[in-house]
């Protein structure tokens, strides 16, 4: 019996999971993207772009599309959609599998200052002017207008528009992965004193963390929000095993 799976994606893990499932004849997979990136990478399966209209809208889509299982493989900081996924899966009566890459952990040589939210970063930077590398989403930059004394070097996938209302800001548009050597060169070139990032985890953007360590720079690290669902899996392989387990034990539709 063919099963229909909806993956809430936007991460490398979601794309890799979709690629693995696409090769299977017993599963029909659709990947959902929020649509914040205008030119997403090729995903390998049919893609749905845009929101659902909250938890109720997602539950309605699950029922209307005959989804048998929902996978939340969104970004670790996508609090709202993860919360909606829990509610929608329960409402629609389908299993939910959560795939979330592990957070980074500080190691010897790291100089981390951890904060709970991006809005707390400007205060953590202090009053004295500093050269700051911001590796954040373009929609998360507004709080830094409250600290215009710093010089900001900003790297984002999409262009920042409008630009920040600060005297000094340089914008770099680039898509990862970023390695340690490249990020070390970038931090040196721009004479960066402190790196600001969220604890996204994974290898694709770890280069700046390793580079900051090698250069002895402070990193202001935004902690992850708490998960809306328990039992998150950390690898694609574990997610596939769980998907197979959940599908094997599901009741036939209409029962």
C-alpha atoms as a PDB file:
ATOM      1  CA  UNK A   1       0.000   0.000   0.000  1.00  0.00           C
ATOM      2  CA  UNK A   2       1.405   3.373  -1.023  1.00  0.00           C
ATOM      3  CA  UNK A   3       1.831   5.948   1.732  1.00  0.00           C
ATOM      4  CA  UNK A   4       1.721   9.718   1.272  1.00  0.00           C
ATOM      5  CA  UNK A   5       4.176  11.825   3.263  1.00  0.00           C
ATOM      6  CA  UNK A   6       4.389  15.592   3.692  1.00  0.00           C
ATOM      7  CA  UNK A   7       7.769  16.994   4.738  1.00  0.00           C
ATOM      8  CA  UNK A   8       7.903  20.473   6.207  1.00  0.00           C
ATOM      9  CA  UNK A   9      11.340  21.470   4.980  1.00  0.00           C
ATOM     10  CA  UNK A  10      13.751  24.244   4.158  1.00  0.00           C
ATOM     11  CA  UNK A  11      16.820  22.490   5.577  1.00  0.00           C
ATOM     12  CA  UNK A  12      19.566  20.300   4.175  1.00  0.00           C
ATOM     13  CA  UNK A  13      18.201  17.405   6.216  1.00  0.00           C
ATOM     14  CA  UNK A  14      14.733  17.810   4.701  1.00  0.00           C
ATOM     15  CA  UNK A  15      16.178  17.766   1.190  1.00  0.00           C
ATOM     16  CA  UNK A  16      18.273  14.673   1.910  1.00  0.00           C
ATOM     17  CA  UNK A  17      15.299  12.884   3.437  1.00  0.00           C
ATOM     18  CA  UNK A  18      13.154  13.775   0.427  1.00  0.00           C
ATOM     19  CA  UNK A  19      15.829  12.453  -1.934  1.00  0.00           C
ATOM     20  CA  UNK A  20      15.966   9.156  -0.072  1.00  0.00           C
ATOM     21  CA  UNK A  21      12.198   8.740  -0.019  1.00  0.00           C
ATOM     22  CA  UNK A  22      11.825   9.749  -3.676  1.00  0.00           C
ATOM     23  CA  UNK A  23      13.553   6.535  -4.718  1.00  0.00           C
ATOM     24  CA  UNK A  24      10.919   4.371  -3.036  1.00  0.00           C
ATOM     25  CA  UNK A  25       7.891   3.038  -4.885  1.00  0.00           C
ATOM     26  CA  UNK A  26       5.884   2.585  -1.687  1.00  0.00           C
ATOM     27  CA  UNK A  27       5.965   6.273  -0.711  1.00  0.00           C
ATOM     28  CA  UNK A  28       4.727   9.457  -2.401  1.00  0.00           C
ATOM     29  CA  UNK A  29       6.532  12.462  -0.935  1.00  0.00           C
ATOM     30  CA  UNK A  30       5.812  16.177  -1.103  1.00  0.00           C
ATOM     31  CA  UNK A  31       8.147  18.785   0.355  1.00  0.00           C
ATOM     32  CA  UNK A  32       6.717  22.026   1.726  1.00  0.00           C
ATOM     33  CA  UNK A  33       8.813  25.217   1.732  1.00  0.00           C
ATOM     34  CA  UNK A  34       7.888  28.480   3.396  1.00  0.00           C
ATOM     35  CA  UNK A  35       8.911  30.470   0.306  1.00  0.00           C
ATOM     36  CA  UNK A  36      11.267  32.909   2.026  1.00  0.00           C
ATOM     37  CA  UNK A  37      14.089  32.055  -0.405  1.00  0.00           C
ATOM     38  CA  UNK A  38      13.378  33.116  -3.980  1.00  0.00           C
ATOM     39  CA  UNK A  39      15.669  30.526  -5.599  1.00  0.00           C
ATOM     40  CA  UNK A  40      15.743  27.366  -3.450  1.00  0.00           C
ATOM     41  CA  UNK A  41      18.038  24.527  -4.436  1.00  0.00           C
ATOM     42  CA  UNK A  42      16.592  21.572  -6.338  1.00  0.00           C
ATOM     43  CA  UNK A  43      14.698  19.338  -3.921  1.00  0.00           C
ATOM     44  CA  UNK A  44      14.196  16.108  -5.889  1.00  0.00           C
ATOM     45  CA  UNK A  45      10.484  15.706  -5.129  1.00  0.00           C
ATOM     46  CA  UNK A  46       7.302  17.719  -5.800  1.00  0.00           C
ATOM     47  CA  UNK A  47       7.423  20.977  -3.854  1.00  0.00           C
ATOM     48  CA  UNK A  48       4.664  23.030  -2.290  1.00  0.00           C
ATOM     49  CA  UNK A  49       5.550  26.653  -1.527  1.00  0.00           C
ATOM     50  CA  UNK A  50       3.810  28.908   0.991  1.00  0.00           C
ATOM     51  CA  UNK A  51       2.049  28.734   4.321  1.00  0.00           C
ATOM     52  CA  UNK A  52      -1.004  26.724   5.336  1.00  0.00           C
ATOM     53  CA  UNK A  53      -2.888  29.227   7.447  1.00  0.00           C
ATOM     54  CA  UNK A  54      -1.821  28.056  10.882  1.00  0.00           C
ATOM     55  CA  UNK A  55      -2.335  24.712  12.577  1.00  0.00           C
ATOM     56  CA  UNK A  56      -5.962  24.451  11.462  1.00  0.00           C
ATOM     57  CA  UNK A  57      -5.012  25.086   7.838  1.00  0.00           C
ATOM     58  CA  UNK A  58      -2.237  22.508   7.970  1.00  0.00           C
ATOM     59  CA  UNK A  59      -4.594  19.932   9.484  1.00  0.00           C
ATOM     60  CA  UNK A  60      -7.122  20.630   6.724  1.00  0.00           C
ATOM     61  CA  UNK A  61      -4.428  20.196   4.068  1.00  0.00           C
ATOM     62  CA  UNK A  62      -3.366  16.885   5.645  1.00  0.00           C
ATOM     63  CA  UNK A  63      -6.931  15.596   5.463  1.00  0.00           C
ATOM     64  CA  UNK A  64      -7.677  16.925   1.967  1.00  0.00           C
ATOM     65  CA  UNK A  65      -4.412  15.654   0.480  1.00  0.00           C
ATOM     66  CA  UNK A  66      -4.697  12.237   2.127  1.00  0.00           C
ATOM     67  CA  UNK A  67      -1.418  12.606   4.005  1.00  0.00           C
ATOM     68  CA  UNK A  68      -0.515   9.497   6.005  1.00  0.00           C
ATOM     69  CA  UNK A  69       2.450  10.916   7.907  1.00  0.00           C
ATOM     70  CA  UNK A  70       3.847  14.381   8.618  1.00  0.00           C
ATOM     71  CA  UNK A  71       7.561  15.122   8.967  1.00  0.00           C
ATOM     72  CA  UNK A  72       8.796  18.298  10.630  1.00  0.00           C
ATOM     73  CA  UNK A  73      12.295  18.848   9.241  1.00  0.00           C
ATOM     74  CA  UNK A  74      12.226  22.623   9.474  1.00  0.00           C
ATOM     75  CA  UNK A  75      14.952  24.897  10.826  1.00  0.00           C
ATOM     76  CA  UNK A  76      15.617  24.575  14.570  1.00  0.00           C
ATOM     77  CA  UNK A  77      14.456  28.189  14.998  1.00  0.00           C
ATOM     78  CA  UNK A  78      11.177  27.757  13.087  1.00  0.00           C
ATOM     79  CA  UNK A  79       9.175  27.862  16.318  1.00  0.00           C
ATOM     80  CA  UNK A  80       5.757  28.627  14.862  1.00  0.00           C
ATOM     81  CA  UNK A  81       5.610  25.960  12.166  1.00  0.00           C
ATOM     82  CA  UNK A  82       6.942  23.323  14.566  1.00  0.00           C
ATOM     83  CA  UNK A  83       4.249  24.202  17.092  1.00  0.00           C
ATOM     84  CA  UNK A  84       1.639  24.107  14.325  1.00  0.00           C
ATOM     85  CA  UNK A  85       2.924  20.725  13.141  1.00  0.00           C
ATOM     86  CA  UNK A  86       2.312  19.173  16.565  1.00  0.00           C
ATOM     87  CA  UNK A  87      -1.220  20.559  16.746  1.00  0.00           C
ATOM     88  CA  UNK A  88      -2.070  19.737  13.129  1.00  0.00           C
ATOM     89  CA  UNK A  89      -0.855  16.136  13.316  1.00  0.00           C
ATOM     90  CA  UNK A  90      -2.938  15.577  16.443  1.00  0.00           C
ATOM     91  CA  UNK A  91      -5.981  17.247  14.878  1.00  0.00           C
ATOM     92  CA  UNK A  92      -5.726  15.251  11.635  1.00  0.00           C
ATOM     93  CA  UNK A  93      -4.863  12.004  13.419  1.00  0.00           C
ATOM     94  CA  UNK A  94      -1.595  11.298  11.606  1.00  0.00           C
ATOM     95  CA  UNK A  95       1.828  10.415  13.047  1.00  0.00           C
ATOM     96  CA  UNK A  96       4.445  13.162  13.336  1.00  0.00           C
ATOM     97  CA  UNK A  97       8.165  12.485  12.881  1.00  0.00           C
ATOM     98  CA  UNK A  98      10.560  15.286  13.848  1.00  0.00           C
ATOM     99  CA  UNK A  99      14.010  15.510  12.244  1.00  0.00           C
ATOM    100  CA  UNK A 100      16.263  18.099  13.869  1.00  0.00           C
ATOM    101  CA  UNK A 101      20.039  18.300  13.568  1.00  0.00           C
ATOM    102  CA  UNK A 102      21.885  18.485  16.911  1.00  0.00           C
ATOM    103  CA  UNK A 103      23.003  21.883  18.194  1.00  0.00           C
ATOM    104  CA  UNK A 104      26.641  22.902  18.250  1.00  0.00           C
ATOM    105  CA  UNK A 105      28.475  22.402  21.539  1.00  0.00           C
ATOM    106  CA  UNK A 106      31.268  24.652  22.751  1.00  0.00           C
ATOM    107  CA  UNK A 107      34.687  22.990  22.814  1.00  0.00           C
ATOM    108  CA  UNK A 108      38.084  23.999  24.166  1.00  0.00           C
ATOM    109  CA  UNK A 109      39.095  27.370  22.712  1.00  0.00           C
ATOM    110  CA  UNK A 110      35.566  28.610  22.043  1.00  0.00           C
ATOM    111  CA  UNK A 111      34.596  31.970  23.562  1.00  0.00           C
ATOM    112  CA  UNK A 112      30.813  31.876  23.523  1.00  0.00           C
ATOM    113  CA  UNK A 113      28.402  34.335  25.065  1.00  0.00           C
ATOM    114  CA  UNK A 114      24.960  32.734  24.900  1.00  0.00           C
ATOM    115  CA  UNK A 115      21.697  34.668  24.734  1.00  0.00           C
ATOM    116  CA  UNK A 116      18.094  33.523  24.447  1.00  0.00           C
ATOM    117  CA  UNK A 117      16.931  35.644  21.522  1.00  0.00           C
ATOM    118  CA  UNK A 118      18.326  37.753  18.684  1.00  0.00           C
ATOM    119  CA  UNK A 119      16.785  40.804  20.367  1.00  0.00           C
ATOM    120  CA  UNK A 120      19.216  40.290  23.265  1.00  0.00           C
ATOM    121  CA  UNK A 121      22.326  40.443  21.081  1.00  0.00           C
ATOM    122  CA  UNK A 122      22.751  44.263  20.825  1.00  0.00           C
ATOM    123  CA  UNK A 123      23.028  44.531  24.607  1.00  0.00           C
ATOM    124  CA  UNK A 124      25.532  41.665  24.661  1.00  0.00           C
ATOM    125  CA  UNK A 125      27.716  43.511  22.145  1.00  0.00           C
ATOM    126  CA  UNK A 126      28.252  46.310  24.655  1.00  0.00           C
ATOM    127  CA  UNK A 127      28.529  50.068  24.236  1.00  0.00           C
ATOM    128  CA  UNK A 128      32.029  50.290  22.753  1.00  0.00           C
ATOM    129  CA  UNK A 129      32.117  50.200  18.938  1.00  0.00           C
ATOM    130  CA  UNK A 130      33.053  46.812  17.512  1.00  0.00           C
ATOM    131  CA  UNK A 131      33.393  45.188  14.119  1.00  0.00           C
ATOM    132  CA  UNK A 132      30.613  42.588  14.060  1.00  0.00           C
ATOM    133  CA  UNK A 133      29.978  39.711  11.670  1.00  0.00           C
ATOM    134  CA  UNK A 134      26.252  38.954  11.530  1.00  0.00           C
ATOM    135  CA  UNK A 135      25.401  35.498  10.168  1.00  0.00           C
ATOM    136  CA  UNK A 136      21.626  35.725  10.573  1.00  0.00           C
ATOM    137  CA  UNK A 137      18.520  35.697   8.420  1.00  0.00           C
ATOM    138  CA  UNK A 138      17.754  38.984   6.704  1.00  0.00           C
ATOM    139  CA  UNK A 139      14.449  39.213   8.566  1.00  0.00           C
ATOM    140  CA  UNK A 140      16.218  39.183  11.945  1.00  0.00           C
ATOM    141  CA  UNK A 141      18.412  42.250  11.580  1.00  0.00           C
ATOM    142  CA  UNK A 142      16.138  45.068  12.751  1.00  0.00           C
ATOM    143  CA  UNK A 143      17.255  44.860  16.438  1.00  0.00           C
ATOM    144  CA  UNK A 144      20.754  45.954  15.436  1.00  0.00           C
ATOM    145  CA  UNK A 145      19.490  49.380  14.456  1.00  0.00           C
ATOM    146  CA  UNK A 146      19.353  50.023  18.205  1.00  0.00           C
ATOM    147  CA  UNK A 147      23.149  49.675  18.325  1.00  0.00           C
ATOM    148  CA  UNK A 148      24.357  51.903  15.464  1.00  0.00           C
ATOM    149  CA  UNK A 149      27.832  52.416  16.968  1.00  0.00           C
ATOM    150  CA  UNK A 150      29.054  49.096  15.583  1.00  0.00           C
ATOM    151  CA  UNK A 151      30.305  48.298  12.086  1.00  0.00           C
ATOM    152  CA  UNK A 152      28.357  45.351  10.722  1.00  0.00           C
ATOM    153  CA  UNK A 153      29.376  42.814   8.097  1.00  0.00           C
ATOM    154  CA  UNK A 154      26.206  40.914   7.203  1.00  0.00           C
ATOM    155  CA  UNK A 155      26.029  37.619   5.305  1.00  0.00           C
ATOM    156  CA  UNK A 156      22.659  36.328   4.136  1.00  0.00           C
ATOM    157  CA  UNK A 157      21.242  34.113   1.401  1.00  0.00           C
ATOM    158  CA  UNK A 158      18.930  36.836   0.110  1.00  0.00           C
ATOM    159  CA  UNK A 159      19.750  40.561  -0.256  1.00  0.00           C
ATOM    160  CA  UNK A 160      18.864  42.723   2.735  1.00  0.00           C
ATOM    161  CA  UNK A 161      16.224  45.224   1.664  1.00  0.00           C
ATOM    162  CA  UNK A 162      15.862  47.856   2.890  1.00  0.00           C
ATOM    163  CA  UNK A 163      19.373  48.096   4.326  1.00  0.00           C
ATOM    164  CA  UNK A 164      19.876  48.621   8.031  1.00  0.00           C
ATOM    165  CA  UNK A 165      19.584  52.189   9.274  1.00  0.00           C
ATOM    166  CA  UNK A 166      23.115  52.217  10.670  1.00  0.00           C
ATOM    167  CA  UNK A 167      26.168  54.260   9.574  1.00  0.00           C
ATOM    168  CA  UNK A 168      28.386  51.298   8.672  1.00  0.00           C
ATOM    169  CA  UNK A 169      27.176  48.047   7.150  1.00  0.00           C
ATOM    170  CA  UNK A 170      28.600  45.783   4.458  1.00  0.00           C
ATOM    171  CA  UNK A 171      26.359  43.142   2.861  1.00  0.00           C
ATOM    172  CA  UNK A 172      27.528  39.782   1.535  1.00  0.00           C
ATOM    173  CA  UNK A 173      25.014  37.612  -0.321  1.00  0.00           C
ATOM    174  CA  UNK A 174      26.075  33.960  -0.340  1.00  0.00           C
ATOM    175  CA  UNK A 175      24.707  30.460   0.117  1.00  0.00           C
ATOM    176  CA  UNK A 176      26.590  27.820   2.123  1.00  0.00           C
ATOM    177  CA  UNK A 177      28.216  25.514   2.787  1.00  0.00           C
ATOM    178  CA  UNK A 178      31.022  27.670   4.224  1.00  0.00           C
ATOM    179  CA  UNK A 179      34.290  26.083   5.317  1.00  0.00           C
ATOM    180  CA  UNK A 180      36.736  27.137   8.006  1.00  0.00           C
ATOM    181  CA  UNK A 181      39.402  28.348   5.591  1.00  0.00           C
ATOM    182  CA  UNK A 182      37.027  30.606   3.693  1.00  0.00           C
ATOM    183  CA  UNK A 183      35.454  32.019   6.830  1.00  0.00           C
ATOM    184  CA  UNK A 184      38.838  32.570   8.458  1.00  0.00           C
ATOM    185  CA  UNK A 185      39.892  34.616   5.439  1.00  0.00           C
ATOM    186  CA  UNK A 186      36.626  36.582   5.527  1.00  0.00           C
ATOM    187  CA  UNK A 187      36.909  37.396   9.234  1.00  0.00           C
ATOM    188  CA  UNK A 188      40.509  38.491   8.807  1.00  0.00           C
ATOM    189  CA  UNK A 189      39.777  40.595   5.723  1.00  0.00           C
ATOM    190  CA  UNK A 190      37.068  42.550   7.510  1.00  0.00           C
ATOM    191  CA  UNK A 191      38.938  42.726  10.840  1.00  0.00           C
ATOM    192  CA  UNK A 192      35.995  41.159  12.657  1.00  0.00           C
ATOM    193  CA  UNK A 193      36.040  41.287  16.451  1.00  0.00           C
ATOM    194  CA  UNK A 194      32.897  39.335  17.281  1.00  0.00           C
ATOM    195  CA  UNK A 195      30.713  36.811  15.415  1.00  0.00           C
ATOM    196  CA  UNK A 196      26.937  36.690  15.903  1.00  0.00           C
ATOM    197  CA  UNK A 197      25.003  33.572  14.954  1.00  0.00           C
ATOM    198  CA  UNK A 198      22.169  31.281  15.969  1.00  0.00           C
ATOM    199  CA  UNK A 199      22.862  27.744  17.167  1.00  0.00           C
ATOM    200  CA  UNK A 200      21.587  26.145  13.983  1.00  0.00           C
ATOM    201  CA  UNK A 201      23.829  23.104  14.184  1.00  0.00           C
ATOM    202  CA  UNK A 202      25.033  21.085  11.215  1.00  0.00           C
ATOM    203  CA  UNK A 203      28.178  21.221   9.128  1.00  0.00           C
ATOM    204  CA  UNK A 204      27.198  23.609   6.332  1.00  0.00           C
ATOM    205  CA  UNK A 205      27.633  26.765   8.410  1.00  0.00           C
ATOM    206  CA  UNK A 206      30.064  25.581  11.079  1.00  0.00           C
ATOM    207  CA  UNK A 207      33.005  27.220   9.301  1.00  0.00           C
ATOM    208  CA  UNK A 208      32.505  30.540  11.078  1.00  0.00           C
ATOM    209  CA  UNK A 209      32.495  28.829  14.497  1.00  0.00           C
ATOM    210  CA  UNK A 210      35.766  27.030  13.788  1.00  0.00           C
ATOM    211  CA  UNK A 211      37.242  30.197  12.269  1.00  0.00           C
ATOM    212  CA  UNK A 212      36.294  32.289  15.319  1.00  0.00           C
ATOM    213  CA  UNK A 213      37.908  29.684  17.563  1.00  0.00           C
ATOM    214  CA  UNK A 214      41.108  29.692  15.520  1.00  0.00           C
ATOM    215  CA  UNK A 215      41.276  33.495  15.615  1.00  0.00           C
ATOM    216  CA  UNK A 216      40.361  33.767  19.282  1.00  0.00           C
ATOM    217  CA  UNK A 217      37.195  35.747  18.590  1.00  0.00           C
ATOM    218  CA  UNK A 218      34.095  35.978  20.744  1.00  0.00           C
ATOM    219  CA  UNK A 219      30.936  34.365  19.407  1.00  0.00           C
ATOM    220  CA  UNK A 220      27.554  35.596  20.569  1.00  0.00           C
ATOM    221  CA  UNK A 221      25.413  32.495  20.207  1.00  0.00           C
ATOM    222  CA  UNK A 222      21.622  32.594  20.189  1.00  0.00           C
ATOM    223  CA  UNK A 223      20.292  29.520  21.970  1.00  0.00           C
ATOM    224  CA  UNK A 224      17.674  27.338  20.325  1.00  0.00           C
ATOM    225  CA  UNK A 225      14.058  27.675  21.383  1.00  0.00           C
ATOM    226  CA  UNK A 226      12.566  24.619  23.127  1.00  0.00           C
ATOM    227  CA  UNK A 227      11.136  21.967  20.832  1.00  0.00           C
ATOM    228  CA  UNK A 228       7.377  21.832  20.486  1.00  0.00           C
ATOM    229  CA  UNK A 229       7.552  18.041  20.036  1.00  0.00           C
ATOM    230  CA  UNK A 230       9.428  15.407  22.004  1.00  0.00           C
ATOM    231  CA  UNK A 231      11.586  12.661  20.556  1.00  0.00           C
ATOM    232  CA  UNK A 232      13.296  14.553  17.744  1.00  0.00           C
ATOM    233  CA  UNK A 233      15.610  12.431  15.594  1.00  0.00           C
ATOM    234  CA  UNK A 234      19.026  13.731  14.618  1.00  0.00           C
ATOM    235  CA  UNK A 235      19.820  11.841  11.387  1.00  0.00           C
ATOM    236  CA  UNK A 236      18.085  11.098   8.109  1.00  0.00           C
ATOM    237  CA  UNK A 237      18.686   7.383   8.649  1.00  0.00           C
ATOM    238  CA  UNK A 238      16.949   7.455  12.029  1.00  0.00           C
ATOM    239  CA  UNK A 239      14.050   9.400  10.524  1.00  0.00           C
ATOM    240  CA  UNK A 240      13.587   6.807   7.778  1.00  0.00           C
ATOM    241  CA  UNK A 241      13.565   4.000  10.335  1.00  0.00           C
ATOM    242  CA  UNK A 242      10.934   5.835  12.363  1.00  0.00           C
ATOM    243  CA  UNK A 243       8.850   6.576   9.262  1.00  0.00           C
ATOM    244  CA  UNK A 244       8.868   2.889   8.319  1.00  0.00           C
ATOM    245  CA  UNK A 245       7.891   1.940  11.868  1.00  0.00           C
ATOM    246  CA  UNK A 246       5.031   4.438  12.000  1.00  0.00           C
ATOM    247  CA  UNK A 247       3.696   3.489   8.556  1.00  0.00           C
ATOM    248  CA  UNK A 248       3.855  -0.231   9.316  1.00  0.00           C
ATOM    249  CA  UNK A 249       1.771   0.216  12.440  1.00  0.00           C
ATOM    250  CA  UNK A 250      -0.788   2.683  11.063  1.00  0.00           C
ATOM    251  CA  UNK A 251      -4.428   1.773  10.767  1.00  0.00           C
ATOM    252  CA  UNK A 252      -6.009   1.685   7.318  1.00  0.00           C
ATOM    253  CA  UNK A 253      -7.841   4.872   6.333  1.00  0.00           C
ATOM    254  CA  UNK A 254     -11.394   5.051   7.452  1.00  0.00           C
ATOM    255  CA  UNK A 255     -10.825   2.719  10.424  1.00  0.00           C
END
